[in-house]
PDB file of N, CA and C in Angstrom:
ATOM      1  N   MET A   1    -102.834 -33.653 -33.754  1.00  0.00           N
ATOM      2  CA  MET A   1    -102.674 -34.116 -34.843  1.00  0.00           C
ATOM      3  C   MET A   1    -101.665 -32.953 -35.529  1.00  0.00           C
ATOM      4  N   SER A   2    -101.232 -33.962 -36.084  1.00  0.00           N
ATOM      5  CA  SER A   2    -100.201 -33.298 -37.019  1.00  0.00           C
ATOM      6  C   SER A   2    -100.444 -33.176 -38.177  1.00  0.00           C
ATOM      7  N   ARG A   3    -100.549 -31.962 -38.878  1.00  0.00           N
ATOM      8  CA  ARG A   3    -100.764 -32.020 -40.489  1.00  0.00           C
ATOM      9  C   ARG A   3     -99.608 -31.874 -41.229  1.00  0.00           C
ATOM     10  N   ALA A   4     -99.621 -32.474 -42.423  1.00  0.00           N
ATOM     11  CA  ALA A   4     -98.458 -32.222 -43.682  1.00  0.00           C
ATOM     12  C   ALA A   4     -98.524 -30.580 -44.628  1.00  0.00           C
ATOM     13  N   LEU A   5     -97.724 -29.351 -44.701  1.00  0.00           N
ATOM     14  CA  LEU A   5     -98.452 -28.716 -45.853  1.00  0.00           C
ATOM     15  C   LEU A   5     -97.185 -27.636 -46.489  1.00  0.00           C
ATOM     16  N   GLN A   6     -97.402 -28.205 -48.261  1.00  0.00           N
ATOM     17  CA  GLN A   6     -96.710 -28.145 -48.843  1.00  0.00           C
ATOM     18  C   GLN A   6     -96.278 -26.234 -48.784  1.00  0.00           C
ATOM     19  N   VAL A   7     -95.642 -25.860 -49.361  1.00  0.00           N
ATOM     20  CA  VAL A   7     -95.541 -24.516 -49.534  1.00  0.00           C
ATOM     21  C   VAL A   7     -94.528 -24.505 -50.679  1.00  0.00           C
ATOM     22  N   TYR A   8     -95.290 -24.119 -51.558  1.00  0.00           N
ATOM     23  CA  TYR A   8     -93.924 -23.355 -52.973  1.00  0.00           C
ATOM     24  C   TYR A   8     -93.538 -22.228 -52.455  1.00  0.00           C
ATOM     25  N   LEU A   9     -92.610 -21.598 -52.839  1.00  0.00           N
ATOM     26  CA  LEU A   9     -91.789 -20.493 -52.452  1.00  0.00           C
ATOM     27  C   LEU A   9     -90.869 -19.838 -53.698  1.00  0.00           C
ATOM     28  N   GLU A  10     -90.778 -18.725 -54.392  1.00  0.00           N
ATOM     29  CA  GLU A  10     -89.747 -18.126 -54.935  1.00  0.00           C
ATOM     30  C   GLU A  10     -88.480 -18.348 -54.529  1.00  0.00           C
ATOM     31  N   ASP A  11     -87.487 -18.156 -55.319  1.00  0.00           N
ATOM     32  CA  ASP A  11     -86.075 -18.204 -55.128  1.00  0.00           C
ATOM     33  C   ASP A  11     -85.570 -17.638 -53.837  1.00  0.00           C
ATOM     34  N   PRO A  12     -85.932 -16.081 -54.190  1.00  0.00           N
ATOM     35  CA  PRO A  12     -85.902 -15.182 -53.140  1.00  0.00           C
ATOM     36  C   PRO A  12     -86.144 -15.417 -51.539  1.00  0.00           C
ATOM     37  N   GLU A  13     -87.277 -15.696 -51.629  1.00  0.00           N
ATOM     38  CA  GLU A  13     -88.498 -16.017 -50.213  1.00  0.00           C
ATOM     39  C   GLU A  13     -87.839 -17.035 -49.928  1.00  0.00           C
ATOM     40  N   PHE A  14     -87.332 -17.663 -50.190  1.00  0.00           N
ATOM     41  CA  PHE A  14     -86.820 -19.385 -49.943  1.00  0.00           C
ATOM     42  C   PHE A  14     -85.395 -18.953 -49.797  1.00  0.00           C
ATOM     43  N   GLU A  15     -84.296 -18.329 -49.501  1.00  0.00           N
ATOM     44  CA  GLU A  15     -83.019 -17.913 -49.556  1.00  0.00           C
ATOM     45  C   GLU A  15     -83.434 -16.894 -48.392  1.00  0.00           C
ATOM     46  N   ALA A  16     -84.364 -16.272 -48.021  1.00  0.00           N
ATOM     47  CA  ALA A  16     -84.666 -15.490 -46.830  1.00  0.00           C
ATOM     48  C   ALA A  16     -85.047 -16.252 -45.643  1.00  0.00           C
ATOM     49  N   LEU A  17     -85.805 -16.891 -46.594  1.00  0.00           N
ATOM     50  CA  LEU A  17     -86.191 -17.844 -44.933  1.00  0.00           C
ATOM     51  C   LEU A  17     -85.169 -18.412 -44.704  1.00  0.00           C
ATOM     52  N   ARG A  18     -84.079 -19.067 -45.382  1.00  0.00           N
ATOM     53  CA  ARG A  18     -83.203 -20.326 -45.032  1.00  0.00           C
ATOM     54  C   ARG A  18     -82.800 -19.367 -44.427  1.00  0.00           C
ATOM     55  N   ALA A  19     -81.656 -17.905 -44.526  1.00  0.00           N
ATOM     56  CA  ALA A  19     -81.009 -16.767 -44.066  1.00  0.00           C
ATOM     57  C   ALA A  19     -81.506 -16.514 -42.713  1.00  0.00           C
ATOM     58  N   TRP A  20     -82.956 -16.246 -42.701  1.00  0.00           N
ATOM     59  CA  TRP A  20     -83.730 -16.068 -41.072  1.00  0.00           C
ATOM     60  C   TRP A  20     -83.674 -17.637 -40.292  1.00  0.00           C
ATOM     61  N   ALA A  21     -83.479 -18.431 -40.698  1.00  0.00           N
ATOM     62  CA  ALA A  21     -83.784 -19.856 -39.625  1.00  0.00           C
ATOM     63  C   ALA A  21     -82.676 -19.871 -39.810  1.00  0.00           C
ATOM     64  N   ASP A  22     -81.398 -19.771 -40.641  1.00  0.00           N
ATOM     65  CA  ASP A  22     -80.111 -20.519 -40.121  1.00  0.00           C
ATOM     66  C   ASP A  22     -79.751 -19.213 -39.014  1.00  0.00           C
ATOM     67  N   GLU A  23     -79.910 -18.090 -38.957  1.00  0.00           N
ATOM     68  CA  GLU A  23     -79.364 -17.328 -38.118  1.00  0.00           C
ATOM     69  C   GLU A  23     -79.915 -17.807 -37.168  1.00  0.00           C
ATOM     70  N   ARG A  24     -80.319 -17.909 -36.404  1.00  0.00           N
ATOM     71  CA  ARG A  24     -81.499 -18.155 -35.178  1.00  0.00           C
ATOM     72  C   ARG A  24     -80.950 -20.038 -34.892  1.00  0.00           C
ATOM     73  N   GLY A  25     -80.883 -20.735 -35.687  1.00  0.00           N
ATOM     74  CA  GLY A  25     -80.517 -22.145 -35.031  1.00  0.00           C
ATOM     75  C   GLY A  25     -81.429 -22.933 -35.194  1.00  0.00           C
ATOM     76  N   TRP A  26     -82.806 -22.076 -36.246  1.00  0.00           N
ATOM     77  CA  TRP A  26     -83.943 -23.206 -36.402  1.00  0.00           C
ATOM     78  C   TRP A  26     -84.102 -23.851 -37.464  1.00  0.00           C
ATOM     79  N   THR A  27     -84.572 -25.068 -37.605  1.00  0.00           N
ATOM     80  CA  THR A  27     -84.937 -25.543 -38.761  1.00  0.00           C
ATOM     81  C   THR A  27     -86.084 -24.478 -40.067  1.00  0.00           C
ATOM     82  N   LEU A  28     -86.259 -25.174 -40.913  1.00  0.00           N
ATOM     83  CA  LEU A  28     -86.978 -24.113 -42.079  1.00  0.00           C
ATOM     84  C   LEU A  28     -88.385 -24.379 -40.655  1.00  0.00           C
ATOM     85  N   SER A  29     -88.646 -25.611 -40.581  1.00  0.00           N
ATOM     86  CA  SER A  29     -90.006 -25.770 -40.690  1.00  0.00           C
ATOM     87  C   SER A  29     -90.150 -24.867 -39.278  1.00  0.00           C
ATOM     88  N   GLN A  30     -89.771 -24.824 -38.122  1.00  0.00           N
ATOM     89  CA  GLN A  30     -89.122 -24.094 -37.090  1.00  0.00           C
ATOM     90  C   GLN A  30     -89.496 -23.081 -37.682  1.00  0.00           C
ATOM     91  N   ALA A  31     -89.203 -22.222 -38.090  1.00  0.00           N
ATOM     92  CA  ALA A  31     -88.840 -21.079 -38.571  1.00  0.00           C
ATOM     93  C   ALA A  31     -90.633 -20.600 -39.734  1.00  0.00           C
ATOM     94  N   VAL A  32     -91.045 -21.559 -40.098  1.00  0.00           N
ATOM     95  CA  VAL A  32     -93.019 -21.495 -40.259  1.00  0.00           C
ATOM     96  C   VAL A  32     -93.703 -21.270 -39.473  1.00  0.00           C
ATOM     97  N   ARG A  33     -93.420 -22.209 -38.480  1.00  0.00           N
ATOM     98  CA  ARG A  33     -94.649 -22.654 -37.777  1.00  0.00           C
ATOM     99  C   ARG A  33     -94.448 -21.152 -36.652  1.00  0.00           C
ATOM    100  N   VAL A  34     -92.959 -20.681 -36.537  1.00  0.00           N
ATOM    101  CA  VAL A  34     -93.001 -19.134 -35.881  1.00  0.00           C
ATOM    102  C   VAL A  34     -94.013 -18.483 -36.003  1.00  0.00           C
ATOM    103  N   ALA A  35     -93.457 -18.481 -37.833  1.00  0.00           N
ATOM    104  CA  ALA A  35     -94.309 -17.223 -38.401  1.00  0.00           C
ATOM    105  C   ALA A  35     -95.523 -16.772 -38.680  1.00  0.00           C
ATOM    106  N   LEU A  36     -96.277 -18.517 -38.995  1.00  0.00           N
ATOM    107  CA  LEU A  36     -97.525 -18.840 -38.288  1.00  0.00           C
ATOM    108  C   LEU A  36     -98.292 -18.483 -36.775  1.00  0.00           C
ATOM    109  N   LYS A  37     -97.894 -18.973 -36.453  1.00  0.00           N
ATOM    110  CA  LYS A  37     -98.308 -18.608 -35.170  1.00  0.00           C
ATOM    111  C   LYS A  37     -98.343 -17.036 -34.430  1.00  0.00           C
ATOM    112  N   ALA A  38     -97.343 -16.431 -34.863  1.00  0.00           N
ATOM    113  CA  ALA A  38     -97.249 -15.050 -34.683  1.00  0.00           C
ATOM    114  C   ALA A  38     -98.644 -13.995 -35.962  1.00  0.00           C
ATOM    115  N   LEU A  39     -98.605 -14.692 -36.991  1.00  0.00           N
ATOM    116  CA  LEU A  39     -99.725 -14.249 -37.967  1.00  0.00           C
ATOM    117  C   LEU A  39    -100.992 -14.712 -37.801  1.00  0.00           C
ATOM    118  N   THR A  40    -101.575 -15.934 -36.625  1.00  0.00           N
ATOM    119  CA  THR A  40    -102.406 -16.273 -35.899  1.00  0.00           C
ATOM    120  C   THR A  40    -102.799 -15.790 -34.952  1.00  0.00           C
ATOM    121  N   ARG A  41    -102.348 -15.743 -33.911  1.00  0.00           N
ATOM    122  CA  ARG A  41    -102.909 -15.697 -32.779  1.00  0.00           C
ATOM    123  C   ARG A  41    -103.773 -14.764 -32.434  1.00  0.00           C
ATOM    124  N   ALA A  42    -104.252 -15.039 -30.887  1.00  0.00           N
ATOM    125  CA  ALA A  42    -105.450 -13.740 -30.752  1.00  0.00           C
ATOM    126  C   ALA A  42    -104.754 -12.875 -30.233  1.00  0.00           C
ATOM    127  N   ARG A  43    -105.342 -12.074 -30.730  1.00  0.00           N
ATOM    128  CA  ARG A  43    -104.750  -9.998 -30.537  1.00  0.00           C
ATOM    129  C   ARG A  43    -105.693  -9.520 -29.657  1.00  0.00           C
ATOM    130  N   GLU A  44    -107.234 -10.340 -28.932  1.00  0.00           N
ATOM    131  CA  GLU A  44    -107.935  -9.377 -28.236  1.00  0.00           C
ATOM    132  C   GLU A  44    -107.516  -8.897 -26.627  1.00  0.00           C
ATOM    133  N   HIS A  45    -107.169  -9.425 -25.971  1.00  0.00           N
ATOM    134  CA  HIS A  45    -106.583  -9.074 -24.388  1.00  0.00           C
ATOM    135  C   HIS A  45    -105.064  -9.130 -24.358  1.00  0.00           C
ATOM    136  N   GLU A  46    -104.959  -8.972 -25.516  1.00  0.00           N
ATOM    137  CA  GLU A  46    -102.999  -8.256 -25.817  1.00  0.00           C
ATOM    138  C   GLU A  46    -102.425  -7.436 -24.936  1.00  0.00           C
ATOM    139  N   ASP A  47    -101.842  -7.018 -24.159  1.00  0.00           N
ATOM    140  CA  ASP A  47    -101.074  -6.264 -23.913  1.00  0.00           C
ATOM    141  C   ASP A  47    -100.079  -4.967 -24.906  1.00  0.00           C
ATOM    142  N   PRO A  48    -100.120  -4.391 -25.391  1.00  0.00           N
ATOM    143  CA  PRO A  48     -99.418  -3.782 -26.210  1.00  0.00           C
ATOM    144  C   PRO A  48     -98.280  -3.762 -25.883  1.00  0.00           C
ATOM    145  N   LEU A  49     -97.633  -3.060 -24.523  1.00  0.00           N
ATOM    146  CA  LEU A  49     -95.893  -3.077 -24.937  1.00  0.00           C
ATOM    147  C   LEU A  49     -95.672  -4.438 -25.251  1.00  0.00           C
ATOM    148  N   LEU A  50     -96.485  -5.671 -24.462  1.00  0.00           N
ATOM    149  CA  LEU A  50     -96.052  -6.665 -24.995  1.00  0.00           C
ATOM    150  C   LEU A  50     -95.830  -6.994 -25.934  1.00  0.00           C
ATOM    151  N   ALA A  51     -97.220  -7.264 -27.214  1.00  0.00           N
ATOM    152  CA  ALA A  51     -96.820  -6.967 -28.541  1.00  0.00           C
ATOM    153  C   ALA A  51     -96.299  -6.019 -29.038  1.00  0.00           C
ATOM    154  N   ALA A  52     -95.352  -5.846 -28.745  1.00  0.00           N
ATOM    155  CA  ALA A  52     -94.297  -4.837 -29.074  1.00  0.00           C
ATOM    156  C   ALA A  52     -93.278  -5.316 -29.133  1.00  0.00           C
ATOM    157  N   SER A  53     -92.886  -6.249 -28.347  1.00  0.00           N
ATOM    158  CA  SER A  53     -91.866  -7.048 -27.946  1.00  0.00           C
ATOM    159  C   SER A  53     -91.094  -7.964 -28.879  1.00  0.00           C
ATOM    160  N   GLY A  54     -89.624  -7.740 -29.565  1.00  0.00           N
ATOM    161  CA  GLY A  54     -89.682  -8.668 -30.542  1.00  0.00           C
ATOM    162  C   GLY A  54     -89.349  -8.117 -32.264  1.00  0.00           C
ATOM    163  N   MET A  55     -90.238  -6.643 -32.088  1.00  0.00           N
ATOM    164  CA  MET A  55     -90.449  -6.328 -33.198  1.00  0.00           C
ATOM    165  C   MET A  55     -89.484  -5.580 -33.758  1.00  0.00           C
ATOM    166  N   ILE A  56     -88.120  -5.402 -32.892  1.00  0.00           N
ATOM    167  CA  ILE A  56     -86.819  -4.759 -33.578  1.00  0.00           C
ATOM    168  C   ILE A  56     -85.869  -5.659 -33.697  1.00  0.00           C
ATOM    169  N   GLU A  57     -85.340  -6.109 -34.529  1.00  0.00           N
ATOM    170  CA  GLU A  57     -84.258  -7.423 -34.863  1.00  0.00           C
ATOM    171  C   GLU A  57     -83.426  -6.324 -34.474  1.00  0.00           C
ATOM    172  N   GLY A  58     -81.849  -6.528 -34.023  1.00  0.00           N
ATOM    173  CA  GLY A  58     -80.819  -6.306 -34.167  1.00  0.00           C
ATOM    174  C   GLY A  58     -80.193  -5.664 -32.766  1.00  0.00           C
ATOM    175  N   LEU A  59     -81.024  -5.310 -31.725  1.00  0.00           N
ATOM    176  CA  LEU A  59     -80.778  -4.916 -30.525  1.00  0.00           C
ATOM    177  C   LEU A  59     -80.004  -5.223 -30.095  1.00  0.00           C
ATOM    178  N   PRO A  60     -78.832  -4.770 -28.417  1.00  0.00           N
ATOM    179  CA  PRO A  60     -77.775  -5.961 -28.158  1.00  0.00           C
ATOM    180  C   PRO A  60     -78.777  -6.614 -27.464  1.00  0.00           C
ATOM    181  N   ALA A  61     -78.254  -7.654 -27.140  1.00  0.00           N
ATOM    182  CA  ALA A  61     -77.853  -8.352 -26.030  1.00  0.00           C
ATOM    183  C   ALA A  61     -78.245  -8.756 -24.429  1.00  0.00           C
ATOM    184  N   ASP A  62     -77.619  -7.391 -24.163  1.00  0.00           N
ATOM    185  CA  ASP A  62     -78.124  -7.160 -22.868  1.00  0.00           C
ATOM    186  C   ASP A  62     -78.980  -5.909 -22.599  1.00  0.00           C
ATOM    187  N   LEU A  63     -79.632  -5.254 -23.803  1.00  0.00           N
ATOM    188  CA  LEU A  63     -80.080  -4.411 -23.856  1.00  0.00           C
ATOM    189  C   LEU A  63     -81.283  -3.605 -22.823  1.00  0.00           C
ATOM    190  N   SER A  64     -81.407  -4.667 -21.966  1.00  0.00           N
ATOM    191  CA  SER A  64     -82.543  -4.533 -20.972  1.00  0.00           C
ATOM    192  C   SER A  64     -81.742  -4.304 -19.433  1.00  0.00           C
ATOM    193  N   GLN A  65     -80.563  -5.261 -19.427  1.00  0.00           N
ATOM    194  CA  GLN A  65     -79.742  -4.928 -18.216  1.00  0.00           C
ATOM    195  C   GLN A  65     -78.483  -3.650 -18.297  1.00  0.00           C
ATOM    196  N   ARG A  66     -78.776  -2.769 -19.942  1.00  0.00           N
ATOM    197  CA  ARG A  66     -77.994  -1.636 -19.728  1.00  0.00           C
ATOM    198  C   ARG A  66     -78.571  -0.518 -20.670  1.00  0.00           C
ATOM    199  N   PHE A  67     -80.137  -0.414 -20.700  1.00  0.00           N
ATOM    200  CA  PHE A  67     -80.922  -0.032 -21.320  1.00  0.00           C
ATOM    201  C   PHE A  67     -80.209   1.702 -21.137  1.00  0.00           C
ATOM    202  N   ASP A  68     -80.056   2.363 -19.858  1.00  0.00           N
ATOM    203  CA  ASP A  68     -80.018   3.228 -19.506  1.00  0.00           C
ATOM    204  C   ASP A  68     -78.772   3.539 -20.093  1.00  0.00           C
ATOM    205  N   ASP A  69     -77.822   2.601 -19.673  1.00  0.00           N
ATOM    206  CA  ASP A  69     -76.875   3.180 -20.664  1.00  0.00           C
ATOM    207  C   ASP A  69     -77.013   3.784 -21.944  1.00  0.00           C
ATOM    208  N   TYR A  70     -77.330   3.023 -22.970  1.00  0.00           N
ATOM    209  CA  TYR A  70     -78.117   2.716 -24.400  1.00  0.00           C
ATOM    210  C   TYR A  70     -78.581   4.232 -24.630  1.00  0.00           C
ATOM    211  N   LEU A  71     -79.759   4.269 -23.895  1.00  0.00           N
ATOM    212  CA  LEU A  71     -80.210   5.711 -24.043  1.00  0.00           C
ATOM    213  C   LEU A  71     -79.645   6.878 -23.242  1.00  0.00           C
ATOM    214  N   THR A  72     -78.967   6.776 -22.702  1.00  0.00           N
ATOM    215  CA  THR A  72     -77.919   7.845 -22.718  1.00  0.00           C
ATOM    216  C   THR A  72     -77.537   8.433 -23.627  1.00  0.00           C
ATOM    217  N   HIS A  73     -76.248   7.406 -24.426  1.00  0.00           N
ATOM    218  CA  HIS A  73     -75.759   7.820 -25.886  1.00  0.00           C
ATOM    219  C   HIS A  73     -76.188   7.626 -26.671  1.00  0.00           C
ATOM    220  N   THR A  74     -77.690   7.330 -27.017  1.00  0.00           N
ATOM    221  CA  THR A  74     -78.381   7.436 -28.139  1.00  0.00           C
ATOM    222  C   THR A  74     -79.141   9.314 -28.440  1.00  0.00           C
ATOM    223  N   PHE A  75     -79.003  10.189 -27.512  1.00  0.00           N
ATOM    224  CA  PHE A  75     -79.517  11.064 -27.005  1.00  0.00           C
ATOM    225  C   PHE A  75     -78.338  11.913 -26.729  1.00  0.00           C
ATOM    226  N   VAL A  76     -78.170  13.179 -27.314  1.00  0.00           N
ATOM    227  CA  VAL A  76     -76.768  13.751 -27.165  1.00  0.00           C
ATOM    228  C   VAL A  76     -77.628  15.477 -27.061  1.00  0.00           C
ATOM    229  N   ALA A  77     -77.258  15.353 -26.236  1.00  0.00           N
ATOM    230  CA  ALA A  77     -77.565  17.231 -25.624  1.00  0.00           C
ATOM    231  C   ALA A  77     -76.885  18.068 -26.127  1.00  0.00           C
ATOM    232  N   GLU A  78     -76.856  18.962 -27.894  1.00  0.00           N
ATOM    233  CA  GLU A  78     -76.698  19.808 -28.680  1.00  0.00           C
ATOM    234  C   GLU A  78     -77.683  20.990 -28.708  1.00  0.00           C
ATOM    235  N   PRO A  79     -76.814  21.776 -28.397  1.00  0.00           N
ATOM    236  CA  PRO A  79     -78.410  23.200 -29.282  1.00  0.00           C
ATOM    237  C   PRO A  79     -79.032  22.560 -30.422  1.00  0.00           C
ATOM    238  N   PRO A  80     -80.109  23.194 -30.522  1.00  0.00           N
ATOM    239  CA  PRO A  80     -80.701  23.065 -32.309  1.00  0.00           C
ATOM    240  C   PRO A  80     -80.595  23.714 -33.048  1.00  0.00           C
ATOM    241  N   SER A  81     -79.267  23.590 -34.726  1.00  0.00           N
ATOM    242  CA  SER A  81     -78.787  24.164 -35.556  1.00  0.00           C
ATOM    243  C   SER A  81     -79.605  25.317 -35.497  1.00  0.00           C
ATOM    244  N   ARG A  82     -78.987  26.021 -35.820  1.00  0.00           N
ATOM    245  CA  ARG A  82     -79.231  28.014 -36.972  1.00  0.00           C
ATOM    246  C   ARG A  82     -79.227  27.911 -38.044  1.00  0.00           C
ATOM    247  N   TYR A  83     -78.899  26.987 -38.383  1.00  0.00           N
ATOM    248  CA  TYR A  83     -79.186  26.796 -39.939  1.00  0.00           C
ATOM    249  C   TYR A  83     -79.918  27.276 -40.293  1.00  0.00           C
ATOM    250  N   GLY A  84     -79.650  28.449 -41.326  1.00  0.00           N
ATOM    251  CA  GLY A  84     -80.548  29.080 -42.346  1.00  0.00           C
ATOM    252  C   GLY A  84     -80.855  30.592 -41.333  1.00  0.00           C
ATOM    253  N   VAL A  85     -80.823  30.443 -40.590  1.00  0.00           N
ATOM    254  CA  VAL A  85     -81.150  31.267 -39.553  1.00  0.00           C
ATOM    255  C   VAL A  85     -80.364  32.340 -39.376  1.00  0.00           C
ATOM    256  N   GLU A  86     -80.875  33.686 -39.741  1.00  0.00           N
ATOM    257  CA  GLU A  86     -79.799  34.999 -39.645  1.00  0.00           C
ATOM    258  C   GLU A  86     -80.095  35.391 -38.095  1.00  0.00           C
ATOM    259  N   PRO A  87     -78.710  35.733 -37.483  1.00  0.00           N
ATOM    260  CA  PRO A  87     -78.851  35.950 -35.577  1.00  0.00           C
ATOM    261  C   PRO A  87     -79.579  37.456 -35.948  1.00  0.00           C
ATOM    262  N   LYS A  88     -80.250  37.819 -34.251  1.00  0.00           N
ATOM    263  CA  LYS A  88     -80.534  38.772 -33.885  1.00  0.00           C
ATOM    264  C   LYS A  88     -79.568  39.721 -33.729  1.00  0.00           C
ATOM    265  N   LYS A  89     -80.147  40.856 -34.780  1.00  0.00           N
ATOM    266  CA  LYS A  89     -78.747  42.232 -34.112  1.00  0.00           C
ATOM    267  C   LYS A  89     -79.624  42.704 -32.829  1.00  0.00           C
ATOM    268  N   ARG A  90     -78.488  43.158 -32.828  1.00  0.00           N
ATOM    269  CA  ARG A  90     -78.745  43.362 -31.082  1.00  0.00           C
ATOM    270  C   ARG A  90     -78.883  45.495 -31.452  1.00  0.00           C
ATOM    271  N   VAL A  91     -79.861  45.442 -30.650  1.00  0.00           N
ATOM    272  CA  VAL A  91     -80.240  47.886 -30.735  1.00  0.00           C
ATOM    273  C   VAL A  91     -79.630  47.919 -29.151  1.00  0.00           C
ATOM    274  N   ARG A  92     -79.249  49.022 -29.431  1.00  0.00           N
ATOM    275  CA  ARG A  92     -79.213  49.478 -27.827  1.00  0.00           C
ATOM    276  C   ARG A  92     -79.998  50.667 -28.330  1.00  0.00           C
ATOM    277  N   ARG A  93     -80.343  50.922 -27.274  1.00  0.00           N
ATOM    278  CA  ARG A  93     -82.061  51.869 -26.920  1.00  0.00           C
ATOM    279  C   ARG A  93     -81.650  52.610 -25.607  1.00  0.00           C
ATOM    280  N   ALA A  94     -81.532  53.703 -26.358  1.00  0.00           N
ATOM    281  CA  ALA A  94     -81.647  54.579 -25.378  1.00  0.00           C
ATOM    282  C   ALA A  94     -82.160  55.040 -24.748  1.00  0.00           C
ATOM    283  N   GLY A  95     -81.890  55.254 -23.411  1.00  0.00           N
ATOM    284  CA  GLY A  95     -82.811  54.598 -21.937  1.00  0.00           C
ATOM    285  C   GLY A  95     -81.861  55.746 -20.669  1.00  0.00           C
ATOM    286  N   LYS A  96     -82.574  55.631 -19.393  1.00  0.00           N
ATOM    287  CA  LYS A  96     -81.847  56.401 -18.605  1.00  0.00           C
ATOM    288  C   LYS A  96     -80.744  55.908 -17.890  1.00  0.00           C
ATOM    289  N   SER A  97     -79.944  57.138 -18.267  1.00  0.00           N
ATOM    290  CA  SER A  97     -78.667  57.119 -17.441  1.00  0.00           C
ATOM    291  C   SER A  97     -78.312  56.616 -15.819  1.00  0.00           C
ATOM    292  N   VAL A  98     -77.814  55.495 -15.870  1.00  0.00           N
ATOM    293  CA  VAL A  98     -77.434  54.934 -14.147  1.00  0.00           C
ATOM    294  C   VAL A  98     -76.731  55.768 -13.520  1.00  0.00           C
ATOM    295  N   ARG A  99     -77.038  56.292 -12.435  1.00  0.00           N
ATOM    296  CA  ARG A  99     -76.040  57.312 -11.260  1.00  0.00           C
ATOM    297  C   ARG A  99     -75.238  55.882 -10.834  1.00  0.00           C
ATOM    298  N   ARG A 100     -74.083  56.594 -10.884  1.00  0.00           N
ATOM    299  CA  ARG A 100     -73.143  55.714 -10.035  1.00  0.00           C
ATOM    300  C   ARG A 100     -73.011  56.453  -8.581  1.00  0.00           C
TER     301      ARG A 100
END
Protein backbone atom coordinates (compact mmCIF):
# COMPACT_ATOMS: atom_id res chain seq x y z
CA MET A 1 0.00 0.00 0.00
CA SER A 2 1.27 3.47 -0.86
CA ARG A 3 0.60 6.50 1.27
CA ALA A 4 1.07 10.14 0.46
CA LEU A 5 3.25 12.36 2.61
CA GLN A 6 3.48 16.11 2.29
CA VAL A 7 6.65 17.78 3.51
CA TYR A 8 7.49 21.48 3.63
CA LEU A 9 11.11 22.46 3.06
CA GLU A 10 12.89 25.77 3.26
CA ASP A 11 14.13 27.09 -0.09
CA PRO A 12 17.83 26.21 0.49
CA GLU A 13 16.91 22.66 1.56
CA PHE A 14 14.61 22.23 -1.43
CA GLU A 15 17.25 23.48 -3.89
CA ALA A 16 19.90 21.22 -2.34
CA LEU A 17 17.57 18.21 -2.63
CA ARG A 18 16.69 19.09 -6.22
CA ALA A 19 20.38 19.47 -7.18
CA TRP A 20 21.25 16.17 -5.48
CA ALA A 21 18.43 14.36 -7.30
CA ASP A 22 19.28 15.98 -10.65
CA GLU A 23 22.93 14.86 -10.38
CA ARG A 24 21.71 11.28 -10.17
CA GLY A 25 18.90 11.58 -12.71
CA TRP A 26 16.25 10.93 -10.04
CA THR A 27 12.93 12.56 -9.29
CA LEU A 28 12.47 14.36 -5.98
CA SER A 29 10.24 11.50 -4.81
CA GLN A 30 12.92 8.92 -5.56
CA ALA A 31 15.53 10.98 -3.71
CA VAL A 32 13.31 11.31 -0.64
CA ARG A 33 12.48 7.57 -0.65
CA VAL A 34 16.16 6.61 -0.87
CA ALA A 35 17.05 8.98 1.97
CA LEU A 36 14.24 7.63 4.15
CA LYS A 37 15.27 4.03 3.49
CA ALA A 38 18.87 4.86 4.39
CA LEU A 39 17.80 6.52 7.64
CA THR A 40 15.35 3.84 8.75
CA ARG A 41 16.97 0.57 7.65
CA ALA A 42 17.81 -2.02 10.30
CA ARG A 43 21.45 -1.94 11.35
CA GLU A 44 21.53 -4.98 13.62
CA HIS A 45 23.46 -7.51 11.52
CA GLU A 46 25.09 -5.14 9.12
CA ASP A 47 28.60 -5.65 7.81
CA PRO A 48 30.62 -2.55 8.81
CA LEU A 49 32.50 -2.53 5.52
CA LEU A 50 29.31 -2.63 3.49
CA ALA A 51 27.84 0.04 5.74
CA ALA A 52 30.70 2.36 4.79
CA SER A 53 30.14 1.92 1.06
CA GLY A 54 28.67 4.94 -0.63
CA MET A 55 29.58 7.32 2.20
CA ILE A 56 32.04 9.33 0.11
CA GLU A 57 30.71 11.14 -2.91
CA GLY A 58 32.77 12.22 -5.90
CA LEU A 59 35.04 9.17 -6.13
CA PRO A 60 36.19 8.08 -9.60
CA ALA A 61 33.88 5.65 -11.35
CA ASP A 62 36.77 3.21 -11.96
CA LEU A 63 38.03 3.27 -8.36
CA SER A 64 37.44 -0.43 -7.73
CA GLN A 65 39.35 -1.38 -10.90
CA ARG A 66 42.28 1.02 -10.44
CA PHE A 67 42.41 1.13 -6.62
CA ASP A 68 46.15 0.37 -6.44
CA ASP A 69 46.96 3.13 -8.93
CA TYR A 70 44.98 5.71 -7.00
CA LEU A 71 46.47 4.56 -3.69
CA THR A 72 50.01 4.77 -5.08
CA HIS A 73 49.44 8.32 -6.29
CA THR A 74 47.88 9.33 -2.98
CA PHE A 75 50.90 8.53 -0.83
CA VAL A 76 54.18 10.20 -1.64
CA ALA A 77 57.30 8.68 -0.17
CA GLU A 78 59.11 11.69 1.19
CA PRO A 79 61.19 11.97 4.32
CA PRO A 80 59.43 13.83 7.12
CA SER A 81 59.99 17.56 7.20
CA ARG A 82 62.68 18.78 9.55
CA TYR A 83 61.19 22.25 9.64
CA GLY A 84 62.02 23.93 12.93
CA VAL A 85 64.44 21.21 13.99
CA GLU A 86 68.09 22.13 14.19
CA PRO A 87 70.45 19.57 12.69
CA LYS A 88 72.58 17.64 15.12
CA LYS A 89 76.14 18.83 15.34
CA ARG A 90 78.71 16.19 14.64
CA VAL A 91 81.25 15.84 17.35
CA ARG A 92 84.55 14.26 16.55
CA ARG A 93 85.57 12.01 19.36
CA ALA A 94 89.13 11.31 20.20
CA GLY A 95 89.65 7.63 19.95
CA LYS A 96 92.28 5.05 19.30
CA SER A 97 94.36 5.65 16.26
CA VAL A 98 93.98 3.24 13.43
CA ARG A 99 97.00 1.26 12.28
CA ARG A 100 97.45 0.82 8.63
